[in-house]
Protein backbone atom coordinates (compact mmCIF):
# COMPACT_ATOMS: atom_id res chain seq x y z
CA MET A 1 2.71 -13.64 -39.83
CA ARG A 2 5.53 -13.31 -37.43
CA VAL A 3 8.32 -10.81 -38.23
CA VAL A 4 11.91 -11.33 -37.08
CA LEU A 5 14.56 -8.58 -37.10
CA ASP A 6 17.76 -10.56 -37.03
CA GLY A 7 21.53 -9.54 -36.59
CA CYS A 8 21.14 -5.92 -35.51
CA ALA A 9 22.58 -4.07 -32.46
CA ILE A 10 19.60 -3.25 -30.11
CA ALA A 11 19.19 -0.22 -27.79
CA THR A 12 16.00 -1.46 -25.79
CA MET A 13 15.82 1.91 -23.92
CA ASP A 14 14.21 -0.19 -21.09
CA GLU A 15 14.74 0.86 -17.46
CA LYS A 16 17.83 -1.34 -17.20
CA ALA A 17 19.33 0.34 -20.40
CA THR A 18 19.63 -3.22 -21.91
CA GLU A 19 21.69 -3.30 -25.23
CA LEU A 20 22.53 -6.29 -27.27
CA SER A 21 25.00 -6.69 -30.14
CA PRO A 22 23.96 -8.52 -32.20
CA GLY A 23 20.57 -9.47 -31.27
CA HIS A 24 17.10 -10.20 -32.59
CA ILE A 25 13.46 -9.09 -32.10
CA VAL A 26 10.37 -11.10 -32.72
CA VAL A 27 7.06 -9.45 -33.50
CA ASP A 28 3.63 -11.10 -33.50
CA GLY A 29 0.18 -9.81 -33.31
CA GLY A 30 1.30 -6.16 -33.43
CA ARG A 31 3.53 -6.62 -30.20
CA ILE A 32 7.02 -7.46 -29.34
CA VAL A 33 7.08 -11.11 -28.19
CA GLU A 34 10.94 -11.63 -27.86
CA VAL A 35 14.05 -9.55 -27.60
CA GLY A 36 17.12 -11.68 -27.40
CA ASP A 37 20.91 -12.15 -27.80
CA GLY A 38 22.39 -13.50 -30.79
CA PRO A 39 20.53 -14.96 -33.89
CA ALA A 40 16.77 -15.58 -33.74
CA PRO A 41 15.94 -19.24 -33.01
CA ASP A 42 14.59 -21.34 -36.04
CA THR A 43 10.81 -21.69 -36.04
CA HIS A 44 8.42 -23.90 -38.24
CA ALA A 45 5.88 -21.10 -38.03
CA GLU A 46 5.30 -18.66 -41.10
CA VAL A 47 7.85 -15.98 -40.45
CA ARG A 48 9.11 -12.94 -42.35
CA ARG A 49 12.82 -12.76 -41.50
CA ILE A 50 14.44 -9.25 -41.97
CA ASP A 51 18.23 -9.32 -42.25
CA ALA A 52 19.08 -6.37 -39.96
CA ARG A 53 22.85 -6.78 -39.96
CA GLY A 54 24.66 -3.37 -39.95
CA CYS A 55 21.78 -1.75 -38.31
CA LEU A 56 20.66 -0.49 -34.90
CA ALA A 57 17.25 -1.09 -33.70
CA THR A 58 15.64 1.41 -31.17
CA PRO A 59 12.05 2.10 -30.20
CA GLY A 60 10.13 4.31 -32.76
CA LEU A 61 10.58 7.91 -31.92
CA VAL A 62 7.85 9.76 -30.13
CA ASN A 63 7.13 13.41 -31.20
CA CYS A 64 5.66 15.39 -28.49
CA HIS A 65 4.84 18.68 -30.09
CA HIS A 66 4.02 19.70 -33.74
CA HIS A 67 2.12 21.99 -35.96
CA LEU A 68 1.44 20.16 -39.16
CA TYR A 69 -0.34 22.93 -40.88
CA GLN A 70 2.82 25.10 -40.81
CA TRP A 71 4.40 23.02 -43.55
CA LEU A 72 2.49 25.39 -45.75
CA THR A 73 4.53 28.60 -44.65
CA ARG A 74 8.10 27.55 -44.29
CA GLY A 75 10.87 30.03 -44.89
CA LEU A 76 8.95 33.08 -43.81
CA ALA A 77 9.85 35.73 -41.19
CA GLN A 78 13.39 34.39 -41.05
CA GLU A 79 14.94 36.75 -38.61
CA ALA A 80 11.89 37.39 -36.39
CA THR A 81 11.26 36.75 -32.67
CA LEU A 82 8.26 34.45 -31.69
CA PHE A 83 5.86 37.40 -31.42
CA GLU A 84 7.15 39.07 -34.62
CA TRP A 85 6.89 35.68 -36.53
CA LEU A 86 3.25 35.08 -35.14
CA THR A 87 2.18 38.57 -36.23
CA ALA A 88 3.54 37.96 -39.78
CA LEU A 89 2.04 34.51 -40.22
CA TYR A 90 -1.45 34.70 -38.42
CA PRO A 91 -3.00 36.59 -41.37
CA ILE A 92 -1.71 34.03 -43.75
CA TRP A 93 -2.91 31.09 -41.78
CA ALA A 94 -6.43 32.58 -41.70
CA HIS A 95 -6.88 31.36 -45.33
CA ILE A 96 -6.01 27.67 -44.77
CA ASP A 97 -8.69 25.32 -46.21
CA ALA A 98 -9.23 21.51 -45.95
CA GLU A 99 -7.34 20.80 -49.07
CA MET A 100 -4.20 22.73 -47.98
CA GLU A 101 -4.31 21.11 -44.60
CA ALA A 102 -4.63 17.60 -46.16
CA ALA A 103 -1.47 18.40 -48.23
CA ALA A 104 0.45 19.85 -45.23
CA ALA A 105 -0.54 16.98 -42.89
CA ARG A 106 0.56 14.28 -45.27
CA ALA A 107 3.88 15.81 -45.99
CA GLY A 108 4.66 16.46 -42.20
CA LEU A 109 3.51 12.90 -41.31
CA ALA A 110 5.46 11.40 -44.04
CA ALA A 111 8.68 13.28 -42.88
CA LEU A 112 8.12 12.02 -39.39
CA ALA A 113 7.85 8.57 -40.56
CA LEU A 114 10.89 8.58 -42.71
CA SER A 115 12.86 9.99 -39.69
CA GLY A 116 11.97 6.94 -37.52
CA CYS A 117 9.04 8.45 -35.75
CA THR A 118 6.15 6.06 -34.98
CA THR A 119 4.01 8.34 -32.62
CA THR A 120 3.35 12.02 -33.05
CA THR A 121 1.07 14.67 -31.45
CA ASP A 122 -0.24 17.74 -33.39
CA HIS A 123 -1.38 20.90 -31.81
CA HIS A 124 -3.78 22.52 -34.20
CA TYR A 125 -5.24 25.81 -33.02
CA VAL A 126 -6.07 27.74 -36.18
CA PHE A 127 -9.70 27.10 -37.40
CA PRO A 128 -10.82 29.65 -40.08
CA ARG A 129 -14.57 30.04 -40.00
CA SER A 130 -14.65 28.54 -43.69
CA ALA A 131 -12.94 25.41 -42.77
CA PRO A 132 -13.92 24.15 -39.29
CA GLU A 133 -13.10 20.43 -40.20
CA LEU A 134 -9.31 20.66 -40.23
CA LEU A 135 -8.79 18.30 -37.21
CA GLU A 136 -10.65 15.70 -39.05
CA VAL A 137 -8.56 16.30 -42.16
CA GLU A 138 -5.28 15.59 -40.44
CA ILE A 139 -6.65 12.57 -38.50
CA GLU A 140 -7.57 10.98 -41.95
CA ALA A 141 -3.93 11.95 -43.08
CA ALA A 142 -2.48 10.22 -40.05
CA THR A 143 -4.52 7.02 -40.75
CA HIS A 144 -3.38 7.04 -44.31
CA ILE A 145 0.45 7.25 -43.44
CA GLY A 146 0.08 4.86 -40.56
CA LEU A 147 1.34 6.71 -37.58
CA ARG A 148 0.19 6.49 -34.04
CA PHE A 149 -1.52 9.87 -33.66
CA HIS A 150 -2.39 12.15 -30.72
CA PRO A 151 -3.89 15.17 -32.17
CA CYS A 152 -4.58 18.10 -29.72
CA ARG A 153 -7.71 20.11 -30.32
CA GLY A 154 -6.13 23.51 -29.94
CA SER A 155 -7.95 26.86 -29.60
CA MET A 156 -7.59 30.80 -29.28
CA ASP A 157 -10.15 32.99 -27.87
CA LEU A 158 -8.14 36.12 -26.93
CA GLY A 159 -7.81 38.36 -30.01
CA ARG A 160 -6.17 41.81 -30.22
CA ALA A 161 -9.39 43.55 -29.26
CA GLN A 162 -8.96 41.87 -25.85
CA GLY A 163 -5.41 42.41 -25.51
CA GLY A 164 -4.11 39.21 -27.04
CA LEU A 165 -1.72 38.60 -29.80
CA PRO A 166 -3.71 36.94 -32.63
CA PRO A 167 -6.00 39.03 -35.02
CA ASP A 168 -9.53 38.68 -34.04
CA GLU A 169 -10.45 36.90 -37.35
CA VAL A 170 -8.48 33.71 -36.32
CA VAL A 171 -9.91 33.31 -32.75
CA GLU A 172 -13.15 31.35 -31.72
CA ASN A 173 -15.88 31.91 -29.28
CA ILE A 174 -15.37 29.89 -26.15
CA ASP A 175 -18.66 28.00 -26.40
CA VAL A 176 -17.84 26.90 -29.95
CA ILE A 177 -14.41 25.72 -28.86
CA LEU A 178 -15.65 23.62 -26.00
CA ALA A 179 -18.40 22.07 -28.09
CA ALA A 180 -16.01 21.29 -30.99
CA THR A 181 -13.29 19.84 -28.51
CA GLU A 182 -15.92 17.58 -26.76
CA ALA A 183 -17.26 16.45 -30.15
CA ALA A 184 -13.71 15.60 -31.30
CA ILE A 185 -13.31 13.40 -28.17
CA ASP A 186 -16.72 11.79 -28.60
CA GLU A 187 -15.92 10.90 -32.27
CA PHE A 188 -12.19 10.06 -32.25
CA HIS A 189 -10.65 9.44 -28.79
CA ASP A 190 -9.71 5.67 -28.30
CA PRO A 191 -8.31 4.98 -24.79
CA SER A 192 -7.57 1.42 -25.48
CA GLU A 193 -4.10 0.13 -24.75
CA ALA A 194 -3.11 -0.35 -28.43
CA SER A 195 -4.83 2.86 -29.68
CA MET A 196 -3.77 4.52 -32.76
CA LEU A 197 -5.65 7.66 -31.97
CA ARG A 198 -6.07 9.78 -28.80
CA ILE A 199 -7.47 13.33 -28.43
CA ALA A 200 -5.89 15.94 -26.18
CA VAL A 201 -7.33 19.34 -25.04
CA ALA A 202 -4.93 22.17 -25.99
CA PRO A 203 -5.68 25.93 -25.53
CA CYS A 204 -2.94 27.61 -27.47
CA SER A 205 -1.00 29.87 -25.11
CA PRO A 206 -1.13 32.51 -22.35
CA PHE A 207 -1.16 35.33 -24.89
CA SER A 208 -3.85 33.89 -27.03
CA VAL A 209 -6.36 32.30 -24.65
CA THR A 210 -8.47 33.68 -21.81
CA LYS A 211 -8.37 32.45 -18.22
CA ASP A 212 -12.04 31.24 -18.64
CA LEU A 213 -11.14 29.03 -21.52
CA MET A 214 -7.98 27.56 -19.67
CA ARG A 215 -10.27 26.76 -16.70
CA ALA A 216 -12.97 25.30 -18.80
CA ALA A 217 -10.60 23.26 -20.95
CA ALA A 218 -8.93 21.62 -17.86
CA GLU A 219 -12.46 20.81 -16.36
CA LEU A 220 -13.45 19.28 -19.73
CA ALA A 221 -10.24 17.16 -20.15
CA ARG A 222 -10.45 15.85 -16.56
CA ALA A 223 -14.08 15.01 -16.89
CA ARG A 224 -13.47 13.11 -20.10
CA GLY A 225 -10.09 11.52 -19.06
CA VAL A 226 -7.97 12.98 -21.69
CA ARG A 227 -4.66 14.83 -21.51
CA LEU A 228 -3.95 18.63 -21.55
CA HIS A 229 -1.35 20.47 -23.56
CA THR A 230 -0.29 24.13 -24.37
CA HIS A 231 2.60 26.30 -25.00
CA LEU A 232 4.48 27.72 -22.05
CA ALA A 233 7.50 29.93 -21.12
CA GLU A 234 8.81 29.79 -24.59
CA THR A 235 10.19 33.54 -24.64
CA ILE A 236 11.08 36.39 -22.51
CA GLU A 237 8.21 38.30 -24.40
CA GLU A 238 5.76 35.77 -23.06
CA GLU A 239 7.06 36.14 -19.51
CA ASP A 240 6.69 39.96 -19.85
CA PHE A 241 3.17 39.46 -21.11
CA CYS A 242 2.14 37.33 -18.10
CA ARG A 243 3.64 39.62 -15.59
CA GLU A 244 1.91 42.66 -17.20
CA ARG A 245 -1.57 41.01 -17.63
CA PHE A 246 -1.61 38.62 -14.61
CA GLY A 247 1.00 39.90 -12.33
CA ILE A 248 2.82 36.46 -12.12
CA ARG A 249 5.18 34.33 -14.19
CA PRO A 250 3.82 31.82 -16.70
CA VAL A 251 4.28 28.71 -14.42
CA ASP A 252 2.48 30.44 -11.55
CA TYR A 253 -0.34 31.41 -13.93
CA LEU A 254 -0.67 27.68 -14.92
CA GLU A 255 -0.50 26.52 -11.31
CA GLU A 256 -3.24 29.04 -10.29
CA LEU A 257 -5.45 27.54 -13.14
CA ASP A 258 -4.90 23.88 -11.87
CA TRP A 259 -2.80 23.14 -14.99
CA LEU A 260 0.11 21.21 -13.53
CA GLY A 261 -0.15 17.54 -13.16
CA GLU A 262 0.64 13.98 -14.63
CA ASP A 263 -2.09 14.53 -17.20
CA VAL A 264 -0.27 17.59 -18.61
CA TRP A 265 2.63 18.08 -20.94
CA LEU A 266 3.83 21.58 -22.05
CA ALA A 267 5.67 22.81 -25.14
CA HIS A 268 9.02 24.52 -24.79
CA CYS A 269 9.47 25.69 -21.20
CA VAL A 270 12.74 27.42 -22.01
CA HIS A 271 12.62 30.02 -19.26
CA LEU A 272 12.19 28.05 -15.93
CA SER A 273 13.48 28.85 -12.43
CA ASP A 274 14.95 26.20 -10.05
CA SER A 275 11.69 26.17 -8.11
CA GLU A 276 9.54 25.79 -11.24
CA ILE A 277 11.57 22.78 -12.30
CA GLU A 278 10.95 21.13 -8.88
CA ARG A 279 7.32 21.90 -9.22
CA PHE A 280 7.23 20.14 -12.59
CA ALA A 281 8.98 17.11 -11.10
CA ALA A 282 6.82 17.04 -8.04
CA THR A 283 3.54 17.09 -10.15
CA GLY A 284 4.67 14.84 -12.92
CA THR A 285 4.06 17.73 -15.48
CA GLY A 286 5.83 16.84 -18.79
CA VAL A 287 7.84 19.11 -21.16
CA ALA A 288 8.02 18.80 -24.96
CA HIS A 289 11.58 20.13 -25.60
CA CYS A 290 11.89 21.67 -29.10
CA PRO A 291 15.58 22.57 -29.57
CA SER A 292 15.66 23.43 -33.32
CA SER A 293 12.71 25.65 -33.23
CA ASN A 294 13.96 27.43 -30.01
CA ALA A 295 17.30 28.09 -31.71
CA ARG A 296 15.55 29.31 -35.06
CA LEU A 297 13.49 31.78 -33.19
CA GLY A 298 16.23 32.74 -30.78
CA ALA A 299 14.09 31.94 -27.88
CA GLY A 300 16.92 30.42 -25.67
CA ILE A 301 18.15 26.88 -24.51
CA ALA A 302 15.74 24.93 -22.41
CA ARG A 303 17.02 23.44 -19.10
CA SER A 304 16.33 19.84 -20.32
CA ALA A 305 19.13 18.21 -18.35
CA ASP A 306 18.01 19.84 -15.09
CA LEU A 307 14.47 18.84 -15.78
CA LEU A 308 15.55 15.19 -16.30
CA ALA A 309 17.75 15.27 -13.28
CA ALA A 310 14.79 16.47 -11.15
CA GLY A 311 12.65 13.65 -12.47
CA ALA A 312 10.32 15.49 -14.72
CA PRO A 313 9.19 13.77 -18.03
CA VAL A 314 10.97 15.44 -20.96
CA GLY A 315 10.21 14.48 -24.50
CA LEU A 316 11.12 15.98 -27.73
CA GLY A 317 9.19 17.97 -30.47
CA VAL A 318 9.77 19.06 -34.03
CA ASP A 319 7.35 22.07 -33.41
CA GLY A 320 6.10 24.02 -36.37
CA PRO A 321 7.80 23.60 -39.63
CA ALA A 322 7.44 27.27 -40.14
CA SER A 323 9.87 27.68 -37.22
CA ASN A 324 12.11 24.68 -38.02
CA GLU A 325 11.90 24.40 -41.82
CA ALA A 326 12.35 20.69 -41.22
CA GLY A 327 10.09 17.83 -39.85
CA GLU A 328 12.37 15.05 -38.98
CA LEU A 329 12.48 14.03 -35.38
CA GLY A 330 15.84 12.15 -35.52
CA THR A 331 17.61 15.54 -35.86
CA GLU A 332 16.06 16.75 -32.66
CA VAL A 333 17.74 13.86 -30.79
CA ARG A 334 21.14 15.22 -31.82
CA ALA A 335 20.23 18.88 -31.44
CA ALA A 336 18.93 18.11 -27.78
CA LEU A 337 22.26 16.65 -26.84
CA LEU A 338 24.23 19.46 -28.34
CA TRP A 339 22.05 22.22 -26.85
CA ALA A 340 22.30 20.62 -23.41
CA ARG A 341 26.01 20.62 -23.66
CA LEU A 342 26.11 24.24 -24.76
CA ARG A 343 24.39 25.07 -21.56
CA GLY A 344 25.85 22.67 -19.12
CA GLY A 345 29.11 21.33 -20.57
CA PRO A 346 30.05 17.95 -22.22
CA ALA A 347 28.74 15.83 -19.45
CA ALA A 348 25.41 17.49 -19.30
CA LEU A 349 23.62 14.86 -21.52
CA SER A 350 24.83 11.56 -22.85
CA ALA A 351 24.07 10.01 -26.27
CA ARG A 352 21.76 7.59 -24.52
CA ASP A 353 19.98 10.34 -22.54
CA ALA A 354 19.29 12.05 -25.82
CA LEU A 355 17.84 8.97 -27.28
CA ALA A 356 15.74 8.49 -24.17
CA LEU A 357 14.18 11.89 -24.65
CA GLY A 358 13.01 10.72 -28.16
CA THR A 359 11.66 7.44 -27.02
CA ARG A 360 11.07 6.43 -23.33
CA GLU A 361 10.70 10.05 -22.09
CA GLY A 362 8.37 11.02 -24.90
CA ALA A 363 6.11 8.08 -24.04
CA ARG A 364 5.97 9.24 -20.42
CA CYS A 365 4.83 12.72 -21.62
CA LEU A 366 2.00 11.27 -23.59
CA GLY A 367 0.94 8.88 -20.87
CA ARG A 368 1.98 5.85 -22.73
CA ALA A 369 5.06 4.67 -20.76
CA THR A 370 3.80 1.03 -20.34
CA GLU A 371 2.91 0.74 -24.18
CA ILE A 372 5.64 2.38 -26.26
CA GLY A 373 9.12 3.96 -25.90
CA SER A 374 11.06 0.75 -25.14
CA LEU A 375 11.76 -2.58 -26.81
CA GLU A 376 10.39 -5.23 -24.40
CA PRO A 377 8.22 -8.25 -24.66
CA GLY A 378 4.52 -7.22 -24.45
CA ARG A 379 5.10 -3.69 -25.73
CA LEU A 380 3.55 -2.49 -28.90
CA ALA A 381 5.78 -3.27 -31.87
CA ASP A 382 6.85 0.41 -32.73
CA ILE A 383 10.37 -0.02 -33.98
CA ALA A 384 12.87 1.93 -35.91
CA LEU A 385 15.82 0.20 -37.74
CA TRP A 386 18.85 2.53 -38.57
CA ARG A 387 21.56 1.59 -41.05
CA LEU A 388 24.84 2.34 -39.64
CA ASP A 389 27.31 0.67 -41.95
CA ASP A 390 27.32 3.59 -44.40
CA LEU A 391 30.16 5.98 -45.07
CA GLY A 392 28.83 8.48 -42.31
CA HIS A 393 28.53 5.92 -39.61
CA ALA A 394 30.97 3.04 -40.36
CA GLY A 395 33.73 2.69 -37.80
CA ILE A 396 31.96 4.28 -34.88
CA GLU A 397 32.24 1.40 -32.44
CA ASP A 398 29.29 2.51 -30.21
CA PRO A 399 25.97 2.26 -32.36
CA VAL A 400 24.00 4.60 -30.16
CA ALA A 401 26.82 7.24 -30.46
CA ALA A 402 26.95 6.56 -34.26
CA LEU A 403 23.21 7.27 -34.43
CA VAL A 404 23.04 10.30 -32.07
CA LEU A 405 26.43 11.99 -32.83
CA GLY A 406 26.97 10.89 -36.30
CA PRO A 407 25.45 12.58 -39.34
CA PRO A 408 21.69 12.95 -39.21
CA ARG A 409 19.98 10.20 -41.19
CA LEU A 410 16.60 8.77 -42.10
CA ALA A 411 15.38 5.46 -40.82
CA HIS A 412 15.96 2.32 -42.96
CA LEU A 413 12.80 0.45 -41.62
CA VAL A 414 9.91 1.81 -39.50
CA MET A 415 7.09 -0.53 -37.97
CA VAL A 416 4.05 0.74 -36.20
CA GLY A 417 2.14 -1.94 -34.42
CA GLY A 418 3.89 -4.56 -36.38
CA GLU A 419 3.04 -3.02 -39.73
CA VAL A 420 6.01 -1.69 -41.83
CA ILE A 421 5.51 1.76 -43.05
CA VAL A 422 8.94 2.55 -44.19
CA GLU A 423 11.28 0.00 -45.92
CA ASP A 424 14.69 0.54 -47.37
CA GLY A 425 14.34 4.14 -46.59
CA ARG A 426 11.22 4.66 -48.58
CA LEU A 427 7.62 5.32 -47.44
CA VAL A 428 5.38 2.33 -48.39
CA THR A 429 2.05 3.67 -47.34
CA ALA A 430 1.96 6.71 -49.75
CA ASP A 431 3.75 8.19 -52.78
CA GLU A 432 6.35 10.73 -51.56
CA ASP A 433 6.63 12.46 -55.02
CA GLU A 434 2.81 12.82 -55.00
CA ILE A 435 2.85 14.23 -51.43
CA ALA A 436 5.49 16.77 -52.49
CA ALA A 437 3.71 17.91 -55.61
CA ASN A 438 0.44 18.48 -53.67
CA LEU A 439 2.26 20.36 -50.87
CA ASP A 440 4.04 22.67 -53.46
CA LYS A 441 0.51 23.24 -55.11
CA SER A 442 -1.18 24.13 -51.65
CA CYS A 443 1.76 26.36 -50.69
CA GLY A 444 1.36 28.44 -53.77
CA ARG A 445 -2.45 28.66 -53.22
CA LEU A 446 -2.09 29.72 -49.66
CA MET A 447 0.53 32.46 -50.38
CA ALA A 448 -1.63 33.83 -53.31
CA ALA A 449 -4.72 33.91 -50.83
CA GLY A 450 -2.72 35.60 -48.11
CA SER A 451 -1.42 38.14 -50.39
CA ARG A 452 -4.79 39.52 -51.46
């Protein structure tokens, strides 16, 4: 059945910045087949027609960095720096099991869907020896909720005994890591254009991974044609660690290991020099900007506007809910605009620039710029519909400004590949109350295990 969204304002986020008001979108076979001005034409074909008056249609949001398991440990280490926060939480995370992971993943993915997100990554790097199947658990959760999913098989092999930050009980052997990563690619990675599931290779960070693993991970990813992801340049403490251990800055460290390129996107990148920004742009290296998490941990304000101006891909990330206490990607669009203006003044980033970070630019980071991130005929039908005729948004003439600058809100309708997963602001693929109850139970179990 065709689906027609009729009567809405439309921000296509295409390269021409096309906007229509009112307009219509026609979806068929999981793809957008028409985006036009005015009402949709009558057709004799079987059609589901959705009255979208009072709404703004945008591409579904793209989340470029996340840690779903951290839904289990929100609200802890509230005044800590990143290193202090990690030191406090590593021992708790060592007790995560498959049931807990399932509860956290479903909660996090549900929150993303309700916030207008249609594609998300997840960087999972904690694999207790008693629960090695956690990646499979979150993949099952994403399939259930209905999001397009890019899980990253993360890893840590540099424990405290070797000078790293994580305790030795939460790191893995490099051979185990590489075997598990390749097995995940073999079993789950789907490179097809309409893919709902793609695997990335993702050693955790310079302070939790050896050089040997970084090199081997890059070789594996390129041999198998998958993308590379890691944390980088998040804090001054990380920069100090790299200078002391490697004698160079974090970006130089990655470049030395052949970790810059169009197949790489990096989380945070708060502390970059002018020359490092130029290197990112020249190599096509992407950045997942996580404004709320960076603020919560006091890490600093990333130079997102400078990266964009240089031509580097810059998407948005919720990051771990334990360093954000929220999982809604829509709020990150607004935060990105405000943080950029705090750094560079009121003209540093426009409302449309901020929305591009959450849509078109995020698709670039994940290597899917020709498939998602804009509303154009032939693109996958990943669409978010936002109600803007409520008390908080009515009267703002510019619908994009209403969405980005107005009060944060959840999506009215969300469609992934033409399938509706959120309707009238409610998740239709799962029971929200049941998800919340299971999360609460699992959080209690984990905190009890971690306190023993």
